[in-house]
PDB file of N, CA and C in Angstrom:
ATOM      1  N   LEU A   1     -46.523  30.016 200.678  1.00  0.00           N
ATOM      2  CA  LEU A   1     -47.962  29.853 200.730  1.00  0.00           C
ATOM      3  C   LEU A   1     -48.510  29.775 199.316  1.00  0.00           C
ATOM      4  N   SER A   2     -49.654  29.148 199.175  1.00  0.00           N
ATOM      5  CA  SER A   2     -50.246  29.004 197.851  1.00  0.00           C
ATOM      6  C   SER A   2     -51.092  30.212 197.461  1.00  0.00           C
ATOM      7  N   GLU A   3     -51.460  31.035 198.437  1.00  0.00           N
ATOM      8  CA  GLU A   3     -52.205  32.260 198.173  1.00  0.00           C
ATOM      9  C   GLU A   3     -51.601  33.383 198.998  1.00  0.00           C
ATOM     10  N   PRO A   4     -51.660  34.614 198.512  1.00  0.00           N
ATOM     11  CA  PRO A   4     -51.077  35.719 199.278  1.00  0.00           C
ATOM     12  C   PRO A   4     -51.921  36.060 200.509  1.00  0.00           C
ATOM     13  N   LEU A   5     -51.241  36.513 201.558  1.00  0.00           N
ATOM     14  CA  LEU A   5     -51.914  36.955 202.774  1.00  0.00           C
ATOM     15  C   LEU A   5     -52.223  38.440 202.686  1.00  0.00           C
ATOM     16  N   ASN A   6     -53.397  38.828 203.108  1.00  0.00           N
ATOM     17  CA  ASN A   6     -53.730  40.236 203.280  1.00  0.00           C
ATOM     18  C   ASN A   6     -53.531  40.539 204.754  1.00  0.00           C
ATOM     19  N   LEU A   7     -52.569  41.365 205.078  1.00  0.00           N
ATOM     20  CA  LEU A   7     -52.121  41.523 206.458  1.00  0.00           C
ATOM     21  C   LEU A   7     -52.522  42.848 207.070  1.00  0.00           C
ATOM     22  N   ASN A   8     -52.630  42.830 208.373  1.00  0.00           N
ATOM     23  CA  ASN A   8     -52.829  44.025 209.171  1.00  0.00           C
ATOM     24  C   ASN A   8     -51.645  44.084 210.130  1.00  0.00           C
ATOM     25  N   ASP A   9     -50.859  45.124 210.077  1.00  0.00           N
ATOM     26  CA  ASP A   9     -49.647  45.215 210.892  1.00  0.00           C
ATOM     27  C   ASP A   9     -49.924  45.294 212.390  1.00  0.00           C
ATOM     28  N   ASN A  10     -51.173  45.512 212.784  1.00  0.00           N
ATOM     29  CA  ASN A  10     -51.506  45.643 214.203  1.00  0.00           C
ATOM     30  C   ASN A  10     -51.697  44.304 214.907  1.00  0.00           C
ATOM     31  N   TYR A  11     -51.633  43.198 214.187  1.00  0.00           N
ATOM     32  CA  TYR A  11     -51.901  41.892 214.774  1.00  0.00           C
ATOM     33  C   TYR A  11     -50.704  40.965 214.685  1.00  0.00           C
ATOM     34  N   SER A  12     -50.683  40.008 215.609  1.00  0.00           N
ATOM     35  CA  SER A  12     -49.764  38.878 215.515  1.00  0.00           C
ATOM     36  C   SER A  12     -50.515  37.777 214.778  1.00  0.00           C
ATOM     37  N   TYR A  13     -49.773  36.864 214.160  1.00  0.00           N
ATOM     38  CA  TYR A  13     -50.423  35.814 213.387  1.00  0.00           C
ATOM     39  C   TYR A  13     -50.037  34.434 213.902  1.00  0.00           C
ATOM     40  N   TRP A  14     -50.945  33.486 213.746  1.00  0.00           N
ATOM     41  CA  TRP A  14     -50.788  32.104 214.190  1.00  0.00           C
ATOM     42  C   TRP A  14     -51.142  31.171 213.042  1.00  0.00           C
ATOM     43  N   MET A  15     -50.563  29.980 213.096  1.00  0.00           N
ATOM     44  CA  MET A  15     -50.899  28.921 212.151  1.00  0.00           C
ATOM     45  C   MET A  15     -51.483  27.766 212.955  1.00  0.00           C
ATOM     46  N   SER A  16     -52.717  27.383 212.653  1.00  0.00           N
ATOM     47  CA  SER A  16     -53.342  26.215 213.262  1.00  0.00           C
ATOM     48  C   SER A  16     -53.138  25.056 212.314  1.00  0.00           C
ATOM     49  N   ILE A  17     -52.387  24.051 212.762  1.00  0.00           N
ATOM     50  CA  ILE A  17     -52.042  22.895 211.935  1.00  0.00           C
ATOM     51  C   ILE A  17     -52.851  21.695 212.403  1.00  0.00           C
ATOM     52  N   ASN A  18     -53.490  21.021 211.459  1.00  0.00           N
ATOM     53  CA  ASN A  18     -54.250  19.816 211.751  1.00  0.00           C
ATOM     54  C   ASN A  18     -53.484  18.645 211.160  1.00  0.00           C
ATOM     55  N   ASN A  19     -52.904  17.794 212.013  1.00  0.00           N
ATOM     56  CA  ASN A  19     -52.105  16.691 211.473  1.00  0.00           C
ATOM     57  C   ASN A  19     -52.971  15.487 211.129  1.00  0.00           C
ATOM     58  N   ARG A  20     -52.367  14.440 210.627  1.00  0.00           N
ATOM     59  CA  ARG A  20     -53.132  13.290 210.123  1.00  0.00           C
ATOM     60  C   ARG A  20     -53.816  12.494 211.216  1.00  0.00           C
ATOM     61  N   PHE A  21     -53.423  12.696 212.471  1.00  0.00           N
ATOM     62  CA  PHE A  21     -54.074  12.006 213.586  1.00  0.00           C
ATOM     63  C   PHE A  21     -55.190  12.852 214.194  1.00  0.00           C
ATOM     64  N   GLY A  22     -55.458  14.018 213.608  1.00  0.00           N
ATOM     65  CA  GLY A  22     -56.522  14.870 214.092  1.00  0.00           C
ATOM     66  C   GLY A  22     -56.111  15.835 215.190  1.00  0.00           C
ATOM     67  N   ASN A  23     -54.824  15.853 215.537  1.00  0.00           N
ATOM     68  CA  ASN A  23     -54.352  16.775 216.564  1.00  0.00           C
ATOM     69  C   ASN A  23     -54.217  18.174 215.984  1.00  0.00           C
ATOM     70  N   LEU A  24     -54.501  19.159 216.805  1.00  0.00           N
ATOM     71  CA  LEU A  24     -54.418  20.546 216.377  1.00  0.00           C
ATOM     72  C   LEU A  24     -53.321  21.247 217.155  1.00  0.00           C
ATOM     73  N   GLU A  25     -52.429  21.921 216.442  1.00  0.00           N
ATOM     74  CA  GLU A  25     -51.375  22.721 217.061  1.00  0.00           C
ATOM     75  C   GLU A  25     -51.530  24.168 216.624  1.00  0.00           C
ATOM     76  N   ASN A  26     -51.376  25.088 217.554  1.00  0.00           N
ATOM     77  CA  ASN A  26     -51.380  26.510 217.238  1.00  0.00           C
ATOM     78  C   ASN A  26     -49.965  27.029 217.414  1.00  0.00           C
ATOM     79  N   ILE A  27     -49.368  27.489 216.328  1.00  0.00           N
ATOM     80  CA  ILE A  27     -47.972  27.910 216.323  1.00  0.00           C
ATOM     81  C   ILE A  27     -47.886  29.366 215.896  1.00  0.00           C
ATOM     82  N   PRO A  28     -47.204  30.204 216.688  1.00  0.00           N
ATOM     83  CA  PRO A  28     -47.036  31.592 216.260  1.00  0.00           C
ATOM     84  C   PRO A  28     -46.144  31.651 215.022  1.00  0.00           C
ATOM     85  N   ILE A  29     -46.439  32.590 214.148  1.00  0.00           N
ATOM     86  CA  ILE A  29     -45.636  32.727 212.931  1.00  0.00           C
ATOM     87  C   ILE A  29     -45.177  34.171 212.771  1.00  0.00           C
ATOM     88  N   ARG A  30     -44.122  34.324 212.004  1.00  0.00           N
ATOM     89  CA  ARG A  30     -43.640  35.647 211.597  1.00  0.00           C
ATOM     90  C   ARG A  30     -43.865  35.739 210.098  1.00  0.00           C
ATOM     91  N   VAL A  31     -44.500  36.807 209.676  1.00  0.00           N
ATOM     92  CA  VAL A  31     -44.780  36.993 208.258  1.00  0.00           C
ATOM     93  C   VAL A  31     -43.566  37.630 207.598  1.00  0.00           C
ATOM     94  N   ILE A  32     -42.995  36.929 206.624  1.00  0.00           N
ATOM     95  CA  ILE A  32     -41.846  37.434 205.877  1.00  0.00           C
ATOM     96  C   ILE A  32     -42.338  38.378 204.776  1.00  0.00           C
ATOM     97  N   ASP A  33     -43.264  37.902 203.982  1.00  0.00           N
ATOM     98  CA  ASP A  33     -43.941  38.709 202.966  1.00  0.00           C
ATOM     99  C   ASP A  33     -45.291  38.057 202.723  1.00  0.00           C
ATOM    100  N   LYS A  34     -46.065  38.548 201.772  1.00  0.00           N
ATOM    101  CA  LYS A  34     -47.418  38.025 201.606  1.00  0.00           C
ATOM    102  C   LYS A  34     -47.460  36.572 201.125  1.00  0.00           C
ATOM    103  N   TRP A  35     -46.328  36.022 200.678  1.00  0.00           N
ATOM    104  CA  TRP A  35     -46.254  34.631 200.217  1.00  0.00           C
ATOM    105  C   TRP A  35     -45.479  33.719 201.157  1.00  0.00           C
ATOM    106  N   THR A  36     -44.819  34.287 202.198  1.00  0.00           N
ATOM    107  CA  THR A  36     -43.907  33.498 203.022  1.00  0.00           C
ATOM    108  C   THR A  36     -44.109  33.789 204.500  1.00  0.00           C
ATOM    109  N   VAL A  37     -44.179  32.717 205.297  1.00  0.00           N
ATOM    110  CA  VAL A  37     -44.232  32.855 206.750  1.00  0.00           C
ATOM    111  C   VAL A  37     -43.174  31.942 207.368  1.00  0.00           C
ATOM    112  N   GLU A  38     -42.792  32.268 208.596  1.00  0.00           N
ATOM    113  CA  GLU A  38     -41.832  31.456 209.340  1.00  0.00           C
ATOM    114  C   GLU A  38     -42.470  31.034 210.654  1.00  0.00           C
ATOM    115  N   MET A  39     -42.467  29.725 210.944  1.00  0.00           N
ATOM    116  CA  MET A  39     -42.974  29.242 212.225  1.00  0.00           C
ATOM    117  C   MET A  39     -41.979  29.619 213.304  1.00  0.00           C
ATOM    118  N   LEU A  40     -42.470  30.187 214.406  1.00  0.00           N
ATOM    119  CA  LEU A  40     -41.594  30.602 215.498  1.00  0.00           C
ATOM    120  C   LEU A  40     -41.357  29.492 216.509  1.00  0.00           C
ATOM    121  N   GLU A  41     -42.060  28.394 216.360  1.00  0.00           N
ATOM    122  CA  GLU A  41     -41.855  27.196 217.183  1.00  0.00           C
ATOM    123  C   GLU A  41     -41.894  25.982 216.261  1.00  0.00           C
ATOM    124  N   LYS A  42     -41.125  24.970 216.621  1.00  0.00           N
ATOM    125  CA  LYS A  42     -41.133  23.736 215.843  1.00  0.00           C
ATOM    126  C   LYS A  42     -42.404  22.952 216.169  1.00  0.00           C
ATOM    127  N   PRO A  43     -43.143  22.501 215.144  1.00  0.00           N
ATOM    128  CA  PRO A  43     -44.348  21.711 215.431  1.00  0.00           C
ATOM    129  C   PRO A  43     -43.979  20.366 216.043  1.00  0.00           C
ATOM    130  N   VAL A  44     -44.844  19.865 216.907  1.00  0.00           N
ATOM    131  CA  VAL A  44     -44.624  18.561 217.521  1.00  0.00           C
ATOM    132  C   VAL A  44     -44.837  17.463 216.483  1.00  0.00           C
ATOM    133  N   SER A  45     -45.819  17.637 215.633  1.00  0.00           N
ATOM    134  CA  SER A  45     -46.183  16.633 214.636  1.00  0.00           C
ATOM    135  C   SER A  45     -45.475  16.873 213.309  1.00  0.00           C
ATOM    136  N   GLU A  46     -45.353  15.798 212.554  1.00  0.00           N
ATOM    137  CA  GLU A  46     -44.778  15.867 211.208  1.00  0.00           C
ATOM    138  C   GLU A  46     -45.675  16.689 210.288  1.00  0.00           C
ATOM    139  N   ILE A  47     -45.065  17.531 209.474  1.00  0.00           N
ATOM    140  CA  ILE A  47     -45.783  18.254 208.425  1.00  0.00           C
ATOM    141  C   ILE A  47     -45.587  17.444 207.141  1.00  0.00           C
ATOM    142  N   TYR A  48     -46.667  16.928 206.578  1.00  0.00           N
ATOM    143  CA  TYR A  48     -46.566  16.086 205.391  1.00  0.00           C
ATOM    144  C   TYR A  48     -46.981  16.869 204.154  1.00  0.00           C
ATOM    145  N   THR A  49     -46.117  16.871 203.140  1.00  0.00           N
ATOM    146  CA  THR A  49     -46.401  17.581 201.896  1.00  0.00           C
ATOM    147  C   THR A  49     -46.321  16.673 200.670  1.00  0.00           C
ATOM    148  N   GLY A  50     -46.218  15.364 200.906  1.00  0.00           N
ATOM    149  CA  GLY A  50     -46.070  14.412 199.801  1.00  0.00           C
ATOM    150  C   GLY A  50     -47.374  14.127 199.078  1.00  0.00           C
ATOM    151  N   TRP A  51     -47.379  12.996 198.328  1.00  0.00           N
ATOM    152  CA  TRP A  51     -48.516  12.650 197.480  1.00  0.00           C
ATOM    153  C   TRP A  51     -49.219  11.365 197.902  1.00  0.00           C
ATOM    154  N   ASN A  52     -48.655  10.589 198.837  1.00  0.00           N
ATOM    155  CA  ASN A  52     -49.214   9.289 199.190  1.00  0.00           C
ATOM    156  C   ASN A  52     -50.427   9.365 200.113  1.00  0.00           C
ATOM    157  N   ARG A  53     -50.640  10.487 200.778  1.00  0.00           N
ATOM    158  CA  ARG A  53     -51.794  10.662 201.659  1.00  0.00           C
ATOM    159  C   ARG A  53     -52.145  12.144 201.700  1.00  0.00           C
ATOM    160  N   ASP A  54     -53.184  12.476 202.419  1.00  0.00           N
ATOM    161  CA  ASP A  54     -53.580  13.882 202.523  1.00  0.00           C
ATOM    162  C   ASP A  54     -52.462  14.716 203.132  1.00  0.00           C
ATOM    163  N   LYS A  55     -52.252  15.864 202.546  1.00  0.00           N
ATOM    164  CA  LYS A  55     -51.249  16.794 203.068  1.00  0.00           C
ATOM    165  C   LYS A  55     -51.727  17.368 204.408  1.00  0.00           C
ATOM    166  N   THR A  56     -50.799  17.837 205.216  1.00  0.00           N
ATOM    167  CA  THR A  56     -51.143  18.487 206.474  1.00  0.00           C
ATOM    168  C   THR A  56     -51.915  19.766 206.160  1.00  0.00           C
ATOM    169  N   SER A  57     -53.051  19.946 206.799  1.00  0.00           N
ATOM    170  CA  SER A  57     -53.842  21.147 206.548  1.00  0.00           C
ATOM    171  C   SER A  57     -53.542  22.204 207.610  1.00  0.00           C
ATOM    172  N   TYR A  58     -53.756  23.458 207.237  1.00  0.00           N
ATOM    173  CA  TYR A  58     -53.481  24.549 208.168  1.00  0.00           C
ATOM    174  C   TYR A  58     -54.378  25.734 207.858  1.00  0.00           C
ATOM    175  N   VAL A  59     -54.517  26.598 208.859  1.00  0.00           N
ATOM    176  CA  VAL A  59     -55.242  27.851 208.721  1.00  0.00           C
ATOM    177  C   VAL A  59     -54.394  28.924 209.386  1.00  0.00           C
ATOM    178  N   ILE A  60     -54.252  30.064 208.727  1.00  0.00           N
ATOM    179  CA  ILE A  60     -53.525  31.194 209.309  1.00  0.00           C
ATOM    180  C   ILE A  60     -54.550  32.215 209.765  1.00  0.00           C
ATOM    181  N   HIS A  61     -54.385  32.682 210.996  1.00  0.00           N
ATOM    182  CA  HIS A  61     -55.335  33.651 211.541  1.00  0.00           C
ATOM    183  C   HIS A  61     -54.602  34.662 212.407  1.00  0.00           C
ATOM    184  N   ALA A  62     -55.206  35.828 212.535  1.00  0.00           N
ATOM    185  CA  ALA A  62     -54.651  36.895 213.367  1.00  0.00           C
ATOM    186  C   ALA A  62     -55.098  36.698 214.807  1.00  0.00           C
ATOM    187  N   ASP A  63     -54.340  37.265 215.750  1.00  0.00           N
ATOM    188  CA  ASP A  63     -54.681  37.109 217.158  1.00  0.00           C
ATOM    189  C   ASP A  63     -55.978  37.810 217.529  1.00  0.00           C
ATOM    190  N   ASP A  64     -56.499  38.653 216.668  1.00  0.00           N
ATOM    191  CA  ASP A  64     -57.755  39.332 216.977  1.00  0.00           C
ATOM    192  C   ASP A  64     -58.956  38.405 216.928  1.00  0.00           C
ATOM    193  N   ASN A  65     -58.833  37.247 216.253  1.00  0.00           N
ATOM    194  CA  ASN A  65     -59.986  36.359 216.163  1.00  0.00           C
ATOM    195  C   ASN A  65     -59.747  35.002 216.816  1.00  0.00           C
ATOM    196  N   LEU A  66     -58.782  34.893 217.721  1.00  0.00           N
ATOM    197  CA  LEU A  66     -58.560  33.610 218.390  1.00  0.00           C
ATOM    198  C   LEU A  66     -59.778  33.185 219.193  1.00  0.00           C
ATOM    199  N   SER A  67     -60.459  34.125 219.828  1.00  0.00           N
ATOM    200  CA  SER A  67     -61.619  33.747 220.631  1.00  0.00           C
ATOM    201  C   SER A  67     -62.742  33.201 219.757  1.00  0.00           C
ATOM    202  N   SER A  68     -62.828  33.606 218.502  1.00  0.00           N
ATOM    203  CA  SER A  68     -63.885  33.098 217.639  1.00  0.00           C
ATOM    204  C   SER A  68     -63.641  31.651 217.230  1.00  0.00           C
ATOM    205  N   LEU A  69     -62.445  31.122 217.471  1.00  0.00           N
ATOM    206  CA  LEU A  69     -62.151  29.731 217.156  1.00  0.00           C
ATOM    207  C   LEU A  69     -62.532  28.787 218.286  1.00  0.00           C
ATOM    208  N   ALA A  70     -62.909  29.338 219.438  1.00  0.00           N
ATOM    209  CA  ALA A  70     -63.250  28.505 220.584  1.00  0.00           C
ATOM    210  C   ALA A  70     -64.506  27.699 220.293  1.00  0.00           C
ATOM    211  N   MET A  71     -64.467  26.411 220.609  1.00  0.00           N
ATOM    212  CA  MET A  71     -65.607  25.527 220.376  1.00  0.00           C
ATOM    213  C   MET A  71     -65.900  24.756 221.656  1.00  0.00           C
ATOM    214  N   LEU A  72     -67.155  24.442 221.841  1.00  0.00           N
ATOM    215  CA  LEU A  72     -67.607  23.630 222.952  1.00  0.00           C
ATOM    216  C   LEU A  72     -68.048  22.290 222.372  1.00  0.00           C
ATOM    217  N   VAL A  73     -67.370  21.209 222.757  1.00  0.00           N
ATOM    218  CA  VAL A  73     -67.689  19.876 222.232  1.00  0.00           C
ATOM    219  C   VAL A  73     -68.979  19.397 222.880  1.00  0.00           C
ATOM    220  N   THR A  74     -69.944  19.022 222.048  1.00  0.00           N
ATOM    221  CA  THR A  74     -71.226  18.550 222.561  1.00  0.00           C
ATOM    222  C   THR A  74     -71.419  17.046 222.371  1.00  0.00           C
ATOM    223  N   ASN A  75     -70.685  16.430 221.431  1.00  0.00           N
ATOM    224  CA  ASN A  75     -70.828  14.999 221.194  1.00  0.00           C
ATOM    225  C   ASN A  75     -69.588  14.458 220.486  1.00  0.00           C
ATOM    226  N   VAL A  76     -69.122  13.282 220.925  1.00  0.00           N
ATOM    227  CA  VAL A  76     -68.016  12.582 220.267  1.00  0.00           C
ATOM    228  C   VAL A  76     -68.499  11.167 219.972  1.00  0.00           C
ATOM    229  N   GLU A  77     -68.444  10.782 218.690  1.00  0.00           N
ATOM    230  CA  GLU A  77     -68.989   9.491 218.292  1.00  0.00           C
ATOM    231  C   GLU A  77     -68.041   8.777 217.333  1.00  0.00           C
ATOM    232  N   PRO A  78     -67.442   7.646 217.779  1.00  0.00           N
ATOM    233  CA  PRO A  78     -66.570   6.881 216.871  1.00  0.00           C
ATOM    234  C   PRO A  78     -67.375   6.317 215.709  1.00  0.00           C
ATOM    235  N   GLN A  79     -66.741   6.266 214.548  1.00  0.00           N
ATOM    236  CA  GLN A  79     -67.396   5.737 213.364  1.00  0.00           C
ATOM    237  C   GLN A  79     -66.415   4.853 212.615  1.00  0.00           C
ATOM    238  N   ALA A  80     -66.912   3.755 212.068  1.00  0.00           N
ATOM    239  CA  ALA A  80     -66.087   2.878 211.246  1.00  0.00           C
ATOM    240  C   ALA A  80     -66.876   2.529 209.991  1.00  0.00           C
ATOM    241  N   ARG A  81     -66.523   3.189 208.900  1.00  0.00           N
ATOM    242  CA  ARG A  81     -67.183   2.928 207.617  1.00  0.00           C
ATOM    243  C   ARG A  81     -66.121   2.702 206.557  1.00  0.00           C
ATOM    244  N   ASP A  82     -66.286   1.652 205.781  1.00  0.00           N
ATOM    245  CA  ASP A  82     -65.381   1.367 204.661  1.00  0.00           C
ATOM    246  C   ASP A  82     -63.917   1.337 205.092  1.00  0.00           C
ATOM    247  N   ASN A  83     -63.644   0.705 206.225  1.00  0.00           N
ATOM    248  CA  ASN A  83     -62.279   0.613 206.773  1.00  0.00           C
ATOM    249  C   ASN A  83     -61.657   1.979 207.047  1.00  0.00           C
ATOM    250  N   ASN A  84     -62.479   2.987 207.195  1.00  0.00           N
ATOM    251  CA  ASN A  84     -61.992   4.327 207.509  1.00  0.00           C
ATOM    252  C   ASN A  84     -62.471   4.665 208.921  1.00  0.00           C
ATOM    253  N   TYR A  85     -61.623   4.412 209.893  1.00  0.00           N
ATOM    254  CA  TYR A  85     -61.984   4.642 211.281  1.00  0.00           C
ATOM    255  C   TYR A  85     -61.766   6.112 211.612  1.00  0.00           C
ATOM    256  N   SER A  86     -62.837   6.766 211.986  1.00  0.00           N
ATOM    257  CA  SER A  86     -62.770   8.182 212.295  1.00  0.00           C
ATOM    258  C   SER A  86     -63.671   8.472 213.482  1.00  0.00           C
ATOM    259  N   VAL A  87     -63.617   9.689 213.938  1.00  0.00           N
ATOM    260  CA  VAL A  87     -64.447  10.129 215.052  1.00  0.00           C
ATOM    261  C   VAL A  87     -65.217  11.357 214.599  1.00  0.00           C
ATOM    262  N   SER A  88     -66.520  11.317 214.789  1.00  0.00           N
ATOM    263  CA  SER A  88     -67.358  12.463 214.480  1.00  0.00           C
ATOM    264  C   SER A  88     -67.470  13.317 215.749  1.00  0.00           C
ATOM    265  N   ILE A  89     -67.110  14.575 215.642  1.00  0.00           N
ATOM    266  CA  ILE A  89     -67.168  15.491 216.777  1.00  0.00           C
ATOM    267  C   ILE A  89     -68.152  16.597 216.437  1.00  0.00           C
ATOM    268  N   THR A  90     -69.126  16.789 217.311  1.00  0.00           N
ATOM    269  CA  THR A  90     -70.102  17.859 217.147  1.00  0.00           C
ATOM    270  C   THR A  90     -69.761  18.966 218.134  1.00  0.00           C
ATOM    271  N   CYS A  91     -69.668  20.193 217.626  1.00  0.00           N
ATOM    272  CA  CYS A  91     -69.286  21.330 218.456  1.00  0.00           C
ATOM    273  C   CYS A  91     -70.245  22.487 218.213  1.00  0.00           C
ATOM    274  N   SER A  92     -70.248  23.393 219.159  1.00  0.00           N
ATOM    275  CA  SER A  92     -70.932  24.660 218.946  1.00  0.00           C
ATOM    276  C   SER A  92     -69.938  25.766 219.281  1.00  0.00           C
ATOM    277  N   ASN A  93     -70.128  26.910 218.658  1.00  0.00           N
ATOM    278  CA  ASN A  93     -69.248  28.030 218.958  1.00  0.00           C
ATOM    279  C   ASN A  93     -69.358  28.363 220.434  1.00  0.00           C
ATOM    280  N   TYR A  94     -68.223  28.493 221.099  1.00  0.00           N
ATOM    281  CA  TYR A  94     -68.227  28.824 222.519  1.00  0.00           C
ATOM    282  C   TYR A  94     -68.250  30.340 222.673  1.00  0.00           C
ATOM    283  N   GLU A  95     -69.071  30.799 223.554  1.00  0.00           N
ATOM    284  CA  GLU A  95     -69.178  32.224 223.853  1.00  0.00           C
ATOM    285  C   GLU A  95     -69.091  32.354 225.363  1.00  0.00           C
ATOM    286  N   CYS A  96     -68.387  33.355 225.868  1.00  0.00           N
ATOM    287  CA  CYS A  96     -68.134  33.469 227.303  1.00  0.00           C
ATOM    288  C   CYS A  96     -69.425  33.546 228.119  1.00  0.00           C
ATOM    289  N   ARG A  97     -70.537  33.928 227.534  1.00  0.00           N
ATOM    290  CA  ARG A  97     -71.801  33.996 228.269  1.00  0.00           C
ATOM    291  C   ARG A  97     -72.508  32.645 228.356  1.00  0.00           C
ATOM    292  N   TYR A  98     -71.928  31.580 227.773  1.00  0.00           N
ATOM    293  CA  TYR A  98     -72.570  30.263 227.739  1.00  0.00           C
ATOM    294  C   TYR A  98     -72.922  29.776 229.137  1.00  0.00           C
ATOM    295  N   HIS A  99     -71.999  29.919 230.113  1.00  0.00           N
ATOM    296  CA  HIS A  99     -72.200  29.416 231.466  1.00  0.00           C
ATOM    297  C   HIS A  99     -72.769  30.485 232.408  1.00  0.00           C
ATOM    298  N   LYS A 100     -73.141  31.625 231.905  1.00  0.00           N
ATOM    299  CA  LYS A 100     -73.571  32.749 232.736  1.00  0.00           C
ATOM    300  C   LYS A 100     -74.649  32.370 233.748  1.00  0.00           C
ATOM    301  N   ASP A 101     -75.693  31.668 233.334  1.00  0.00           N
ATOM    302  CA  ASP A 101     -76.804  31.327 234.219  1.00  0.00           C
ATOM    303  C   ASP A 101     -76.730  29.908 234.772  1.00  0.00           C
ATOM    304  N   ASN A 102     -75.649  29.190 234.483  1.00  0.00           N
ATOM    305  CA  ASN A 102     -75.485  27.838 234.966  1.00  0.00           C
ATOM    306  C   ASN A 102     -74.664  27.883 236.246  1.00  0.00           C
ATOM    307  N   LYS A 103     -75.280  27.650 237.382  1.00  0.00           N
ATOM    308  CA  LYS A 103     -74.611  27.751 238.687  1.00  0.00           C
ATOM    309  C   LYS A 103     -73.643  26.600 238.932  1.00  0.00           C
ATOM    310  N   GLU A 104     -73.795  25.480 238.200  1.00  0.00           N
ATOM    311  CA  GLU A 104     -72.947  24.313 238.405  1.00  0.00           C
ATOM    312  C   GLU A 104     -71.650  24.393 237.622  1.00  0.00           C
ATOM    313  N   ALA A 105     -71.550  25.264 236.659  1.00  0.00           N
ATOM    314  CA  ALA A 105     -70.370  25.349 235.796  1.00  0.00           C
ATOM    315  C   ALA A 105     -69.223  26.027 236.521  1.00  0.00           C
TER     316      ALA A 105
END
């Protein structure tokens, strides 16, 4: 890792990997030390660390905050600017009380 992890022994840890196609994978990890982790599952997507394009991005988080990562997609809009085809996704933080008063949900 490029920065040391500050760990709490009471939690399990996960790595959320965002590949170049925008897919997100959540992979459990084992912490070796504050600079080293081991993926406990092989990622489906290629992990790119070269220089010709953006490197694969990732976030490491403890299992205590997985629910805070939940998002509710409110809008998906394709965009094509400067030959860079992308999709703009608008989300809001999902909270379990969101559908509380909605009888149709």
